[in-house]
Amino acid sequence: MSDSNDKVLGVISLVSGIAALVFTLIIPVFNILLALVAIVCGAVGYSQNQKYSLAGLLLGIAAIIITILVIIAGFALFGIFTGIIEESVETPHWRY
């Protein structure tokens, strides 16, 4: 292998991991796809001792974990707000 091809998977993994973290709150589906690319390229690149592949692998894993936490927080907030709305509709706040 030449020197320029020696770190292609590592660079792809690193760029995909950074982009996955950037898109965590903006586009969740695209974020997960980028994170999976970072994880796969990072794992393959790490097995071939390529530079930057471990960083991309860890960034991809971090993006997946943050996405899962954001989804859980979204469902929790939705449940809280739904309960508040239902409570305010069922019990009127005015008296005659």
C-alpha atoms as a PDB file:
ATOM      1  CA  MET A   1       0.000   0.000   0.000  1.00  0.00           C
ATOM      2  CA  SER A   2       1.112   3.501  -0.651  1.00  0.00           C
ATOM      3  CA  ASP A   3       1.284   6.108   2.064  1.00  0.00           C
ATOM      4  CA  SER A   4      -1.829   7.969   0.835  1.00  0.00           C
ATOM      5  CA  ASN A   5      -3.993   4.818   0.922  1.00  0.00           C
ATOM      6  CA  ASP A   6      -2.625   3.829   4.315  1.00  0.00           C
ATOM      7  CA  LYS A   7      -5.030   5.993   6.309  1.00  0.00           C
ATOM      8  CA  VAL A   8      -8.147   6.269   4.125  1.00  0.00           C
ATOM      9  CA  LEU A   9     -10.442   4.262   6.406  1.00  0.00           C
ATOM     10  CA  GLY A  10      -9.202   6.143   9.449  1.00  0.00           C
ATOM     11  CA  VAL A  11      -9.890   9.522   7.857  1.00  0.00           C
ATOM     12  CA  ILE A  12     -13.335   8.389   6.628  1.00  0.00           C
ATOM     13  CA  SER A  13     -14.105   7.149  10.134  1.00  0.00           C
ATOM     14  CA  LEU A  14     -12.928  10.379  11.758  1.00  0.00           C
ATOM     15  CA  VAL A  15     -14.845  12.655   9.375  1.00  0.00           C
ATOM     16  CA  SER A  16     -17.995  10.530   9.681  1.00  0.00           C
ATOM     17  CA  GLY A  17     -17.742  10.530  13.479  1.00  0.00           C
ATOM     18  CA  ILE A  18     -17.358  14.302  13.636  1.00  0.00           C
ATOM     19  CA  ALA A  19     -20.267  14.802  11.227  1.00  0.00           C
ATOM     20  CA  ALA A  20     -22.402  12.370  13.254  1.00  0.00           C
ATOM     21  CA  LEU A  21     -21.808  14.413  16.394  1.00  0.00           C
ATOM     22  CA  VAL A  22     -22.645  17.637  14.554  1.00  0.00           C
ATOM     23  CA  PHE A  23     -25.908  16.190  13.215  1.00  0.00           C
ATOM     24  CA  THR A  24     -26.961  14.674  16.562  1.00  0.00           C
ATOM     25  CA  LEU A  25     -29.725  17.204  17.206  1.00  0.00           C
ATOM     26  CA  ILE A  26     -30.338  18.328  13.634  1.00  0.00           C
ATOM     27  CA  ILE A  27     -31.027  15.174  11.597  1.00  0.00           C
ATOM     28  CA  PRO A  28     -31.186  12.041  13.793  1.00  0.00           C
ATOM     29  CA  VAL A  29     -31.583   9.490  10.969  1.00  0.00           C
ATOM     30  CA  PHE A  30     -28.629  10.881   9.035  1.00  0.00           C
ATOM     31  CA  ASN A  31     -26.701  11.008  12.303  1.00  0.00           C
ATOM     32  CA  ILE A  32     -27.189   7.292  12.917  1.00  0.00           C
ATOM     33  CA  LEU A  33     -26.086   6.417   9.382  1.00  0.00           C
ATOM     34  CA  LEU A  34     -22.933   8.525   9.741  1.00  0.00           C
ATOM     35  CA  ALA A  35     -22.216   6.995  13.135  1.00  0.00           C
ATOM     36  CA  LEU A  36     -22.539   3.482  11.715  1.00  0.00           C
ATOM     37  CA  VAL A  37     -20.144   4.383   8.892  1.00  0.00           C
ATOM     38  CA  ALA A  38     -17.704   5.756  11.480  1.00  0.00           C
ATOM     39  CA  ILE A  39     -17.965   2.616  13.606  1.00  0.00           C
ATOM     40  CA  VAL A  40     -17.516   0.173  10.723  1.00  0.00           C
ATOM     41  CA  CYS A  41     -14.668   2.086   9.052  1.00  0.00           C
ATOM     42  CA  GLY A  42     -13.067   2.706  12.430  1.00  0.00           C
ATOM     43  CA  ALA A  43     -13.167  -0.975  13.387  1.00  0.00           C
ATOM     44  CA  VAL A  44     -11.756  -2.119  10.047  1.00  0.00           C
ATOM     45  CA  GLY A  45      -9.146   0.640  10.042  1.00  0.00           C
ATOM     46  CA  TYR A  46      -8.150  -0.095  13.633  1.00  0.00           C
ATOM     47  CA  SER A  47      -7.600  -3.745  12.773  1.00  0.00           C
ATOM     48  CA  GLN A  48      -5.232  -2.554  10.019  1.00  0.00           C
ATOM     49  CA  ASN A  49      -3.454  -0.124  12.398  1.00  0.00           C
ATOM     50  CA  GLN A  50      -4.556   2.945  10.458  1.00  0.00           C
ATOM     51  CA  LYS A  51      -4.249   6.421  11.909  1.00  0.00           C
ATOM     52  CA  TYR A  52      -7.356   8.228  13.175  1.00  0.00           C
ATOM     53  CA  SER A  53      -9.490   5.079  13.073  1.00  0.00           C
ATOM     54  CA  LEU A  54      -9.752   4.745  16.860  1.00  0.00           C
ATOM     55  CA  ALA A  55     -10.850   8.375  17.157  1.00  0.00           C
ATOM     56  CA  GLY A  56     -13.524   7.842  14.496  1.00  0.00           C
ATOM     57  CA  LEU A  57     -14.670   4.627  16.159  1.00  0.00           C
ATOM     58  CA  LEU A  58     -15.054   6.343  19.532  1.00  0.00           C
ATOM     59  CA  LEU A  59     -16.807   9.363  18.000  1.00  0.00           C
ATOM     60  CA  GLY A  60     -19.275   7.049  16.233  1.00  0.00           C
ATOM     61  CA  ILE A  61     -20.027   5.209  19.461  1.00  0.00           C
ATOM     62  CA  ALA A  62     -20.423   8.515  21.315  1.00  0.00           C
ATOM     63  CA  ALA A  63     -22.821   9.793  18.627  1.00  0.00           C
ATOM     64  CA  ILE A  64     -24.994   6.662  18.962  1.00  0.00           C
ATOM     65  CA  ILE A  65     -25.060   6.956  22.772  1.00  0.00           C
ATOM     66  CA  ILE A  66     -25.915  10.672  22.655  1.00  0.00           C
ATOM     67  CA  THR A  67     -28.665   9.997  20.098  1.00  0.00           C
ATOM     68  CA  ILE A  68     -30.191   7.318  22.334  1.00  0.00           C
ATOM     69  CA  LEU A  69     -30.086   9.689  25.326  1.00  0.00           C
ATOM     70  CA  VAL A  70     -31.699  12.477  23.286  1.00  0.00           C
ATOM     71  CA  ILE A  71     -34.489  10.124  22.174  1.00  0.00           C
ATOM     72  CA  ILE A  72     -35.093   8.977  25.770  1.00  0.00           C
ATOM     73  CA  ALA A  73     -35.147  12.595  26.978  1.00  0.00           C
ATOM     74  CA  GLY A  74     -37.568  13.498  24.184  1.00  0.00           C
ATOM     75  CA  PHE A  75     -39.974  10.735  25.174  1.00  0.00           C
ATOM     76  CA  ALA A  76     -39.695  11.716  28.840  1.00  0.00           C
ATOM     77  CA  LEU A  77     -40.417  15.369  28.106  1.00  0.00           C
ATOM     78  CA  PHE A  78     -43.301  14.383  25.841  1.00  0.00           C
ATOM     79  CA  GLY A  79     -44.755  12.285  28.667  1.00  0.00           C
ATOM     80  CA  ILE A  80     -44.359  15.109  31.166  1.00  0.00           C
ATOM     81  CA  PHE A  81     -45.973  17.684  28.899  1.00  0.00           C
ATOM     82  CA  THR A  82     -48.769  15.283  27.946  1.00  0.00           C
ATOM     83  CA  GLY A  83     -49.524  14.725  31.644  1.00  0.00           C
ATOM     84  CA  ILE A  84     -49.560  18.466  32.336  1.00  0.00           C
ATOM     85  CA  ILE A  85     -51.895  19.124  29.423  1.00  0.00           C
ATOM     86  CA  GLU A  86     -54.261  16.299  30.413  1.00  0.00           C
ATOM     87  CA  GLU A  87     -54.309  17.510  34.018  1.00  0.00           C
ATOM     88  CA  SER A  88     -55.090  21.079  33.023  1.00  0.00           C
ATOM     89  CA  VAL A  89     -57.909  19.971  30.724  1.00  0.00           C
ATOM     90  CA  GLU A  90     -59.512  17.671  33.306  1.00  0.00           C
ATOM     91  CA  THR A  91     -59.409  20.103  36.248  1.00  0.00           C
ATOM     92  CA  PRO A  92     -60.614  23.632  35.480  1.00  0.00           C
ATOM     93  CA  HIS A  93     -58.726  26.431  37.145  1.00  0.00           C
ATOM     94  CA  TRP A  94     -61.674  28.758  37.513  1.00  0.00           C
ATOM     95  CA  ARG A  95     -64.571  28.870  39.932  1.00  0.00           C
ATOM     96  CA  TYR A  96     -68.095  30.081  39.408  1.00  0.00           C
END
